[in-house]
Amino acid sequence: MAGSVVNLNRFRKKKLREDKAKQAEINRVRHGRTQAQKDRERADRERAARMLEGKRLEGAGEDVSDGGSPEPAEPSNERP
């Protein structure tokens, strides 16, 4: 007649851990990438950046429309 006593808190916590582990496995499959994939992507980004830098024209970052001076000229107090 006497059945085994079950600790409900222990049972609940064990089930919760199992559910979290199952969800973690699903997330690893869905969102995970291998180290080789990460390395390949990093190499592709670096290669693209080098190619872009190699095609950059000299002085492309300077504003050449006003004589190459990025700062506005200060007015002088001299009279012509």
N, C-alpha and C. Protein backbone atom coordinates (compact mmCIF):
# COMPACT_ATOMS: atom_id res chain seq x y z
N MET A 1 0.80 -1.19 0.00
CA MET A 1 0.00 0.00 0.00
C MET A 1 0.85 1.26 0.00
N ALA A 2 1.92 1.18 0.68
CA ALA A 2 2.75 2.37 0.80
C ALA A 2 3.55 2.55 -0.48
N GLY A 3 3.27 3.65 -1.17
CA GLY A 3 4.01 3.97 -2.38
C GLY A 3 5.26 4.76 -2.04
N SER A 4 6.10 4.97 -3.03
CA SER A 4 7.31 5.74 -2.75
C SER A 4 6.97 7.22 -2.68
N VAL A 5 7.64 7.89 -1.80
CA VAL A 5 7.41 9.31 -1.60
C VAL A 5 8.19 10.08 -2.66
N VAL A 6 7.52 11.03 -3.30
CA VAL A 6 8.14 11.81 -4.37
C VAL A 6 8.23 13.26 -3.90
N ASN A 7 9.43 13.79 -3.97
CA ASN A 7 9.62 15.19 -3.63
C ASN A 7 9.24 16.02 -4.87
N LEU A 8 8.14 16.73 -4.79
CA LEU A 8 7.63 17.46 -5.96
C LEU A 8 8.56 18.58 -6.40
N ASN A 9 9.22 19.24 -5.46
CA ASN A 9 10.16 20.31 -5.83
C ASN A 9 11.32 19.74 -6.64
N ARG A 10 11.85 18.61 -6.19
CA ARG A 10 12.95 17.98 -6.90
C ARG A 10 12.51 17.55 -8.30
N PHE A 11 11.33 16.97 -8.41
CA PHE A 11 10.80 16.54 -9.69
C PHE A 11 10.61 17.74 -10.62
N ARG A 12 10.04 18.82 -10.11
CA ARG A 12 9.79 20.03 -10.90
C ARG A 12 11.10 20.64 -11.40
N LYS A 13 12.10 20.72 -10.53
CA LYS A 13 13.39 21.30 -10.92
C LYS A 13 14.11 20.42 -11.94
N LYS A 14 14.02 19.10 -11.79
CA LYS A 14 14.65 18.19 -12.74
C LYS A 14 14.00 18.34 -14.11
N LYS A 15 12.69 18.44 -14.16
CA LYS A 15 11.98 18.61 -15.43
C LYS A 15 12.34 19.94 -16.06
N LEU A 16 12.45 20.98 -15.27
CA LEU A 16 12.82 22.30 -15.79
C LEU A 16 14.23 22.27 -16.39
N ARG A 17 15.19 21.61 -15.72
CA ARG A 17 16.55 21.50 -16.25
C ARG A 17 16.56 20.73 -17.57
N GLU A 18 15.80 19.65 -17.65
CA GLU A 18 15.73 18.87 -18.88
C GLU A 18 15.13 19.69 -20.03
N ASP A 19 14.10 20.46 -19.73
CA ASP A 19 13.48 21.30 -20.77
C ASP A 19 14.45 22.37 -21.26
N LYS A 20 15.19 22.96 -20.33
CA LYS A 20 16.17 23.99 -20.73
C LYS A 20 17.29 23.38 -21.57
N ALA A 21 17.72 22.18 -21.21
CA ALA A 21 18.77 21.52 -21.97
C ALA A 21 18.29 21.19 -23.38
N LYS A 22 17.05 20.76 -23.51
CA LYS A 22 16.49 20.45 -24.82
C LYS A 22 16.40 21.72 -25.67
N GLN A 23 15.95 22.82 -25.07
CA GLN A 23 15.85 24.08 -25.80
C GLN A 23 17.24 24.60 -26.19
N ALA A 24 18.23 24.42 -25.33
CA ALA A 24 19.60 24.85 -25.64
C ALA A 24 20.15 24.07 -26.83
N GLU A 25 19.87 22.78 -26.90
CA GLU A 25 20.32 21.98 -28.04
C GLU A 25 19.67 22.46 -29.33
N ILE A 26 18.39 22.77 -29.28
CA ILE A 26 17.69 23.29 -30.46
C ILE A 26 18.30 24.61 -30.89
N ASN A 27 18.60 25.49 -29.93
CA ASN A 27 19.20 26.80 -30.26
C ASN A 27 20.60 26.65 -30.84
N ARG A 28 21.38 25.70 -30.32
CA ARG A 28 22.73 25.48 -30.86
C ARG A 28 22.67 25.05 -32.31
N VAL A 29 21.73 24.19 -32.63
CA VAL A 29 21.59 23.74 -34.01
C VAL A 29 21.10 24.89 -34.90
N ARG A 30 20.17 25.65 -34.40
CA ARG A 30 19.55 26.70 -35.20
C ARG A 30 20.48 27.89 -35.41
N HIS A 31 21.21 28.31 -34.37
CA HIS A 31 21.98 29.56 -34.43
C HIS A 31 23.48 29.37 -34.40
N GLY A 32 23.95 28.19 -34.13
CA GLY A 32 25.37 27.98 -33.94
C GLY A 32 26.14 27.95 -35.24
N ARG A 33 27.38 28.36 -35.17
CA ARG A 33 28.29 28.27 -36.32
C ARG A 33 29.57 27.63 -35.83
N THR A 34 30.21 26.88 -36.70
CA THR A 34 31.46 26.25 -36.32
C THR A 34 32.58 27.29 -36.35
N GLN A 35 33.70 26.95 -35.73
CA GLN A 35 34.85 27.86 -35.72
C GLN A 35 35.36 28.08 -37.14
N ALA A 36 35.31 27.05 -37.96
CA ALA A 36 35.76 27.18 -39.35
C ALA A 36 34.90 28.19 -40.10
N GLN A 37 33.60 28.17 -39.86
CA GLN A 37 32.71 29.14 -40.51
C GLN A 37 33.02 30.56 -40.05
N LYS A 38 33.27 30.71 -38.76
CA LYS A 38 33.60 32.04 -38.23
C LYS A 38 34.92 32.55 -38.82
N ASP A 39 35.93 31.65 -38.91
CA ASP A 39 37.22 32.04 -39.47
C ASP A 39 37.10 32.42 -40.94
N ARG A 40 36.31 31.66 -41.69
CA ARG A 40 36.13 31.93 -43.11
C ARG A 40 35.44 33.29 -43.30
N GLU A 41 34.44 33.58 -42.50
CA GLU A 41 33.74 34.86 -42.61
C GLU A 41 34.67 36.02 -42.26
N ARG A 42 35.48 35.85 -41.22
CA ARG A 42 36.42 36.89 -40.81
C ARG A 42 37.45 37.14 -41.93
N ALA A 43 37.95 36.06 -42.54
CA ALA A 43 38.92 36.20 -43.63
C ALA A 43 38.29 36.90 -44.83
N ASP A 44 37.04 36.58 -45.14
CA ASP A 44 36.35 37.24 -46.25
C ASP A 44 36.20 38.74 -45.99
N ARG A 45 35.84 39.11 -44.75
CA ARG A 45 35.69 40.54 -44.42
C ARG A 45 37.02 41.26 -44.54
N GLU A 46 38.11 40.64 -44.04
CA GLU A 46 39.43 41.26 -44.12
C GLU A 46 39.88 41.41 -45.57
N ARG A 47 39.63 40.39 -46.38
CA ARG A 47 40.01 40.43 -47.79
C ARG A 47 39.25 41.55 -48.51
N ALA A 48 37.96 41.69 -48.23
CA ALA A 48 37.17 42.74 -48.85
C ALA A 48 37.67 44.12 -48.42
N ALA A 49 38.05 44.26 -47.15
CA ALA A 49 38.55 45.55 -46.67
C ALA A 49 39.88 45.89 -47.35
N ARG A 50 40.77 44.89 -47.52
CA ARG A 50 42.04 45.14 -48.20
C ARG A 50 41.83 45.53 -49.66
N MET A 51 40.91 44.86 -50.31
CA MET A 51 40.65 45.17 -51.72
C MET A 51 40.08 46.58 -51.86
N LEU A 52 39.18 46.95 -50.95
CA LEU A 52 38.60 48.29 -50.99
C LEU A 52 39.68 49.34 -50.72
N GLU A 53 40.54 49.07 -49.75
CA GLU A 53 41.62 50.01 -49.44
C GLU A 53 42.58 50.13 -50.61
N GLY A 54 42.83 49.05 -51.33
CA GLY A 54 43.73 49.08 -52.47
C GLY A 54 43.17 49.88 -53.64
N LYS A 55 41.87 50.01 -53.71
CA LYS A 55 41.25 50.76 -54.80
C LYS A 55 41.01 52.23 -54.45
N ARG A 56 41.33 52.60 -53.22
CA ARG A 56 41.11 53.98 -52.77
C ARG A 56 42.09 54.91 -53.49
N LEU A 57 41.59 56.03 -53.93
CA LEU A 57 42.43 57.03 -54.58
C LEU A 57 43.17 57.83 -53.53
N GLU A 58 44.35 58.31 -53.87
CA GLU A 58 45.11 59.12 -52.92
C GLU A 58 44.38 60.43 -52.69
N GLY A 59 44.31 60.85 -51.46
CA GLY A 59 43.67 62.12 -51.13
C GLY A 59 42.17 62.07 -51.23
N ALA A 60 41.57 60.89 -51.28
CA ALA A 60 40.12 60.79 -51.42
C ALA A 60 39.41 61.28 -50.16
N GLY A 61 40.07 61.27 -49.04
CA GLY A 61 39.45 61.70 -47.80
C GLY A 61 39.50 63.20 -47.61
N GLU A 62 40.23 63.91 -48.44
CA GLU A 62 40.35 65.35 -48.28
C GLU A 62 39.30 66.07 -49.10
N ASP A 63 38.89 67.23 -48.64
CA ASP A 63 37.93 68.04 -49.38
C ASP A 63 38.71 68.92 -50.34
N VAL A 64 38.68 68.61 -51.64
CA VAL A 64 39.48 69.32 -52.62
C VAL A 64 38.72 70.46 -53.29
N SER A 65 37.46 70.66 -52.94
CA SER A 65 36.66 71.70 -53.60
C SER A 65 37.11 73.11 -53.21
N ASP A 66 37.63 73.30 -52.00
CA ASP A 66 38.05 74.64 -51.58
C ASP A 66 39.56 74.72 -51.41
N GLY A 67 40.31 74.02 -52.24
CA GLY A 67 41.75 74.11 -52.20
C GLY A 67 42.39 73.13 -51.25
N GLY A 68 41.64 72.16 -50.74
CA GLY A 68 42.22 71.13 -49.90
C GLY A 68 42.26 71.50 -48.42
N SER A 69 41.73 72.62 -48.04
CA SER A 69 41.74 73.03 -46.65
C SER A 69 40.40 72.67 -46.01
N PRO A 70 40.37 71.70 -45.12
CA PRO A 70 39.10 71.30 -44.52
C PRO A 70 38.57 72.32 -43.51
N GLU A 71 39.45 73.19 -42.99
CA GLU A 71 39.02 74.18 -42.01
C GLU A 71 38.74 75.51 -42.72
N PRO A 72 37.73 76.25 -42.27
CA PRO A 72 37.45 77.54 -42.90
C PRO A 72 38.57 78.54 -42.61
N ALA A 73 38.83 79.39 -43.57
CA ALA A 73 39.89 80.39 -43.41
C ALA A 73 39.40 81.48 -42.45
N GLU A 74 40.34 81.95 -41.61
CA GLU A 74 39.99 83.02 -40.68
C GLU A 74 40.13 84.36 -41.39
N PRO A 75 39.20 85.27 -41.14
CA PRO A 75 39.31 86.58 -41.79
C PRO A 75 40.50 87.35 -41.22
N SER A 76 41.21 88.03 -42.09
CA SER A 76 42.36 88.80 -41.63
C SER A 76 41.94 90.25 -41.42
N ASN A 77 42.66 90.95 -40.56
CA ASN A 77 42.36 92.35 -40.25
C ASN A 77 43.12 93.30 -41.16
N GLU A 78 43.92 92.77 -42.08
CA GLU A 78 44.69 93.62 -42.97
C GLU A 78 43.79 94.22 -44.05
N ARG A 79 44.12 95.45 -44.46
CA ARG A 79 43.38 96.09 -45.53
C ARG A 79 44.15 95.96 -46.82
N PRO A 80 43.49 95.66 -47.91
CA PRO A 80 44.23 95.53 -49.18
C PRO A 80 44.72 96.82 -49.74
